[in-house]
Amino acid sequence: MALELLETLRTLGIRVDVIGPDRLRLEPASRIPPELLSRVREEKAIILAALARPLVAVQPAECRHCEGKGECDCPACTLRRTEKPAPCFMCHPADRQVWLAATRPETCWHCVGSGKCGCIACNPKETCRTCGGSGKAVLIQ
């Protein structure tokens, strides 16, 4: 029931985050219908438990994504950062996190390291708004 409620909220474009041991944040609050808000309050403990579950990896031998190889060269796994296979995001999530950190681009994706961009959002005479003009990759948390 709580998972159905979470899916309904996501369908409405409402983001649900755990912000404490017993607190949820729902944004934007203006989109939450009153009847849904009362259901969230009723099922809060179940929602917190559902969102607190750690990511469980599929057993490599049972992984249908990489067919048990443990690595994959699809765009979802490689993020088009390399032509070589990367750790499969389904059966090796921890290895994938290490790989993601190690292969993070050094330069800003938006201005490609120049610090200036000619797009409509940045204006060619101004610094890149994504990296603030540094030209370096920005880690989004």
Protein backbone atom coordinates (compact mmCIF):
# COMPACT_ATOMS: atom_id res chain seq x y z
CA MET A 1 0.00 0.00 0.00
CA ALA A 2 2.83 2.42 0.88
CA LEU A 3 4.62 1.60 -2.37
CA GLU A 4 1.46 2.40 -4.33
CA LEU A 5 1.22 5.70 -2.47
CA LEU A 6 4.86 6.52 -3.28
CA GLU A 7 4.25 5.73 -6.94
CA THR A 8 1.15 7.96 -6.96
CA LEU A 9 3.19 10.82 -5.47
CA ARG A 10 5.96 10.34 -8.04
CA THR A 11 3.39 10.30 -10.85
CA LEU A 12 2.18 13.68 -9.61
CA GLY A 13 5.77 14.97 -9.72
CA ILE A 14 6.17 15.01 -5.95
CA ARG A 15 9.60 14.14 -4.60
CA VAL A 16 9.69 12.20 -1.32
CA ASP A 17 12.85 12.34 0.81
CA VAL A 18 13.71 11.06 4.27
CA ILE A 19 15.20 13.98 6.22
CA GLY A 20 15.45 12.43 9.66
CA PRO A 21 14.73 9.25 11.57
CA ASP A 22 11.01 10.03 11.58
CA ARG A 23 10.61 12.87 9.07
CA LEU A 24 9.67 13.03 5.41
CA ARG A 25 9.94 15.94 3.00
CA LEU A 26 7.47 16.11 0.12
CA GLU A 27 8.16 18.70 -2.57
CA PRO A 28 6.50 20.61 -4.06
CA ALA A 29 3.92 20.58 -1.28
CA SER A 30 1.49 22.60 -3.41
CA ARG A 31 0.88 19.55 -5.65
CA ILE A 32 -0.21 17.23 -2.83
CA PRO A 33 -3.99 16.72 -2.74
CA PRO A 34 -5.37 16.84 0.85
CA GLU A 35 -6.63 13.25 0.73
CA LEU A 36 -3.16 12.05 -0.30
CA LEU A 37 -1.53 14.04 2.49
CA SER A 38 -3.73 12.32 5.06
CA ARG A 39 -2.73 8.92 3.61
CA VAL A 40 0.95 9.89 3.81
CA ARG A 41 0.48 10.75 7.49
CA GLU A 42 -1.30 7.45 8.14
CA GLU A 43 1.36 5.37 6.36
CA LYS A 44 4.39 7.45 7.35
CA ALA A 45 6.13 4.66 9.29
CA ILE A 46 5.75 2.23 6.39
CA ILE A 47 6.97 4.84 3.89
CA LEU A 48 10.02 5.59 6.05
CA ALA A 49 10.81 1.88 6.25
CA ALA A 50 10.40 1.44 2.49
CA LEU A 51 12.69 4.38 1.69
CA ALA A 52 15.29 3.32 4.26
CA ARG A 53 15.95 -0.06 2.64
CA PRO A 54 19.48 -0.29 1.28
CA LEU A 55 19.98 -0.95 -2.41
CA VAL A 56 20.05 -4.71 -2.85
CA ALA A 57 22.08 -6.02 -5.69
CA VAL A 58 20.90 -8.83 -7.90
CA GLN A 59 23.07 -11.93 -7.60
CA PRO A 60 25.53 -11.82 -10.54
CA ALA A 61 24.59 -15.31 -11.73
CA GLU A 62 20.92 -14.22 -11.88
CA CYS A 63 21.48 -10.80 -13.46
CA ARG A 64 19.54 -10.49 -16.69
CA HIS A 65 21.07 -7.12 -17.45
CA CYS A 66 24.67 -8.29 -17.92
CA GLU A 67 23.83 -11.99 -18.27
CA GLY A 68 25.97 -12.84 -15.23
CA LYS A 69 29.20 -11.25 -16.52
CA GLY A 70 29.29 -8.57 -13.80
CA GLU A 71 30.08 -5.82 -16.28
CA CYS A 72 28.29 -4.32 -19.24
CA ASP A 73 29.01 -1.94 -22.12
CA CYS A 74 25.49 -0.54 -22.48
CA PRO A 75 24.98 3.26 -22.21
CA ALA A 76 23.20 2.89 -18.85
CA CYS A 77 26.28 1.27 -17.33
CA THR A 78 29.06 3.20 -19.11
CA LEU A 79 27.28 6.57 -19.25
CA ARG A 80 29.09 6.83 -22.59
CA ARG A 81 32.31 7.61 -20.70
CA THR A 82 34.16 4.69 -22.22
CA GLU A 83 33.92 2.04 -24.92
CA LYS A 84 34.98 -0.61 -22.39
CA PRO A 85 32.53 -2.47 -20.16
CA ALA A 86 31.82 -0.95 -16.73
CA PRO A 87 30.55 -2.62 -13.55
CA CYS A 88 26.91 -3.58 -14.01
CA PHE A 89 24.58 -1.26 -12.13
CA MET A 90 22.21 -4.14 -11.34
CA CYS A 91 24.52 -6.74 -9.78
CA HIS A 92 27.59 -4.70 -8.76
CA PRO A 93 26.23 -1.36 -7.43
CA ALA A 94 29.13 -0.80 -4.98
CA ASP A 95 31.77 -1.40 -7.68
CA ARG A 96 29.81 0.89 -9.96
CA GLN A 97 29.89 3.71 -7.39
CA VAL A 98 33.68 3.40 -7.20
CA TRP A 99 33.90 3.34 -11.00
CA LEU A 100 31.66 6.42 -11.26
CA ALA A 101 33.88 8.37 -8.86
CA ALA A 102 37.04 7.29 -10.66
CA THR A 103 35.76 8.19 -14.13
CA ARG A 104 34.09 11.47 -13.29
CA PRO A 105 34.96 13.99 -16.00
CA GLU A 106 37.56 16.58 -15.04
CA THR A 107 35.96 19.34 -17.08
CA CYS A 108 32.53 20.92 -16.96
CA TRP A 109 30.04 19.12 -19.17
CA HIS A 110 28.36 22.38 -20.15
CA CYS A 111 31.24 24.56 -21.32
CA VAL A 112 33.65 21.67 -21.96
CA GLY A 113 36.28 23.29 -19.74
CA SER A 114 36.40 26.76 -21.30
CA GLY A 115 34.56 28.54 -18.46
CA LYS A 116 32.45 30.40 -21.03
CA CYS A 117 29.47 29.20 -22.95
CA GLY A 118 27.51 30.57 -25.87
CA CYS A 119 24.18 29.00 -25.05
CA ILE A 120 21.01 30.98 -24.42
CA ALA A 121 21.11 30.29 -20.67
CA CYS A 122 24.69 31.49 -20.14
CA ASN A 123 25.07 34.30 -22.70
CA PRO A 124 28.34 34.21 -24.67
CA LYS A 125 29.73 37.24 -22.83
CA GLU A 126 29.25 35.70 -19.38
CA THR A 127 30.82 32.83 -17.52
CA CYS A 128 29.30 29.37 -17.60
CA ARG A 129 26.52 29.13 -15.05
CA THR A 130 27.08 25.42 -14.46
CA CYS A 131 30.70 25.63 -13.24
CA GLY A 132 30.78 29.32 -12.35
CA GLY A 133 33.53 29.93 -14.90
CA SER A 134 36.03 27.48 -13.40
CA GLY A 135 35.76 25.04 -16.30
CA LYS A 136 35.99 22.17 -13.82
CA ALA A 137 33.44 19.42 -13.28
CA VAL A 138 30.83 20.18 -10.67
CA LEU A 139 29.69 17.38 -8.39
CA ILE A 140 25.92 17.54 -7.98
CA GLN A 141 24.71 16.07 -4.70
